[in-house]
């Protein structure tokens, strides 16, 4: 979980090293992390003005897994707060 947030922050802080859409997705997740567990991949894609395929690739690159795993990470983090 720590590496997931670390990777999101790295994407946001080093935005010149990442594709623009990945920075947008990372910013959205970091700014709206409490609602991520309630969103579908389609809803997240719509809010970031991208496709579900792009969200899937982003999750694989940042989290090393799929969108469901990202949601579980967010759920767990929200429970801790």
Protein backbone atom coordinates (compact mmCIF):
# COMPACT_ATOMS: atom_id res chain seq x y z
CA UNK A 1 0.00 0.00 0.00
CA UNK A 2 2.80 2.43 0.86
CA UNK A 3 4.46 1.89 -2.50
CA UNK A 4 1.15 2.54 -4.25
CA UNK A 5 0.78 6.01 -2.69
CA UNK A 6 4.48 6.63 -3.08
CA UNK A 7 4.18 5.86 -6.80
CA UNK A 8 1.15 8.14 -7.17
CA UNK A 9 2.98 10.99 -5.48
CA UNK A 10 6.07 10.33 -7.58
CA UNK A 11 3.92 10.58 -10.70
CA UNK A 12 2.47 13.88 -9.51
CA UNK A 13 5.76 15.35 -8.28
CA UNK A 14 7.80 14.31 -11.32
CA UNK A 15 5.12 15.02 -13.88
CA UNK A 16 7.63 15.67 -16.66
CA UNK A 17 8.66 11.99 -16.50
CA UNK A 18 5.16 10.58 -16.95
CA UNK A 19 2.57 10.87 -19.72
CA UNK A 20 0.17 13.75 -19.08
CA UNK A 21 -2.85 11.47 -18.73
CA UNK A 22 -1.11 9.44 -16.02
CA UNK A 23 -0.43 12.63 -14.08
CA UNK A 24 -4.11 13.56 -14.42
CA UNK A 25 -5.19 10.12 -13.15
CA UNK A 26 -2.71 10.21 -10.26
CA UNK A 27 -3.88 13.69 -9.26
CA UNK A 28 -7.51 12.64 -9.38
CA UNK A 29 -6.89 9.57 -7.22
CA UNK A 30 -4.81 11.51 -4.69
CA UNK A 31 -7.31 14.36 -4.50
CA UNK A 32 -10.38 12.09 -4.35
CA UNK A 33 -9.04 8.96 -2.66
CA UNK A 34 -12.10 8.59 -0.41
CA UNK A 35 -14.49 8.08 -3.32
CA UNK A 36 -12.29 5.74 -5.37
CA UNK A 37 -13.67 2.56 -3.72
CA UNK A 38 -17.17 3.60 -4.84
CA UNK A 39 -16.24 4.28 -8.48
CA UNK A 40 -16.23 1.79 -11.30
CA UNK A 41 -13.36 1.81 -13.76
CA UNK A 42 -15.72 3.39 -16.30
CA UNK A 43 -16.65 6.20 -13.89
CA UNK A 44 -13.01 6.90 -13.09
CA UNK A 45 -12.18 6.97 -16.79
CA UNK A 46 -15.02 9.42 -17.44
CA UNK A 47 -13.92 11.71 -14.61
CA UNK A 48 -10.37 11.71 -15.98
CA UNK A 49 -11.55 12.11 -19.60
CA UNK A 50 -9.85 8.93 -20.74
CA UNK A 51 -10.63 5.31 -21.58
CA UNK A 52 -10.97 2.30 -19.32
CA UNK A 53 -7.99 0.77 -21.11
CA UNK A 54 -5.84 3.74 -20.09
CA UNK A 55 -6.97 3.33 -16.47
CA UNK A 56 -6.07 -0.36 -16.62
CA UNK A 57 -2.61 0.35 -18.02
CA UNK A 58 -2.09 3.07 -15.40
CA UNK A 59 -3.00 0.66 -12.58
CA UNK A 60 -0.62 -1.95 -13.94
CA UNK A 61 2.20 0.58 -14.18
CA UNK A 62 1.64 2.31 -10.83
CA UNK A 63 0.23 -0.50 -8.71
CA UNK A 64 1.56 -3.54 -10.54
CA UNK A 65 -1.95 -4.91 -10.57
CA UNK A 66 -5.48 -4.23 -11.76
CA UNK A 67 -8.13 -1.63 -10.93
CA UNK A 68 -9.86 -3.89 -8.38
CA UNK A 69 -6.62 -4.12 -6.41
CA UNK A 70 -6.25 -0.35 -6.56
CA UNK A 71 -9.79 0.00 -5.18
CA UNK A 72 -9.03 -2.44 -2.35
CA UNK A 73 -5.91 -0.44 -1.49
CA UNK A 74 -8.01 2.71 -1.34
CA UNK A 75 -10.71 0.98 0.73
CA UNK A 76 -8.14 -0.20 3.23
CA UNK A 77 -6.59 3.26 3.46
CA UNK A 78 -9.98 4.92 3.97
CA UNK A 79 -10.76 2.50 6.80
CA UNK A 80 -7.54 3.49 8.56
CA UNK A 81 -8.41 7.20 8.51
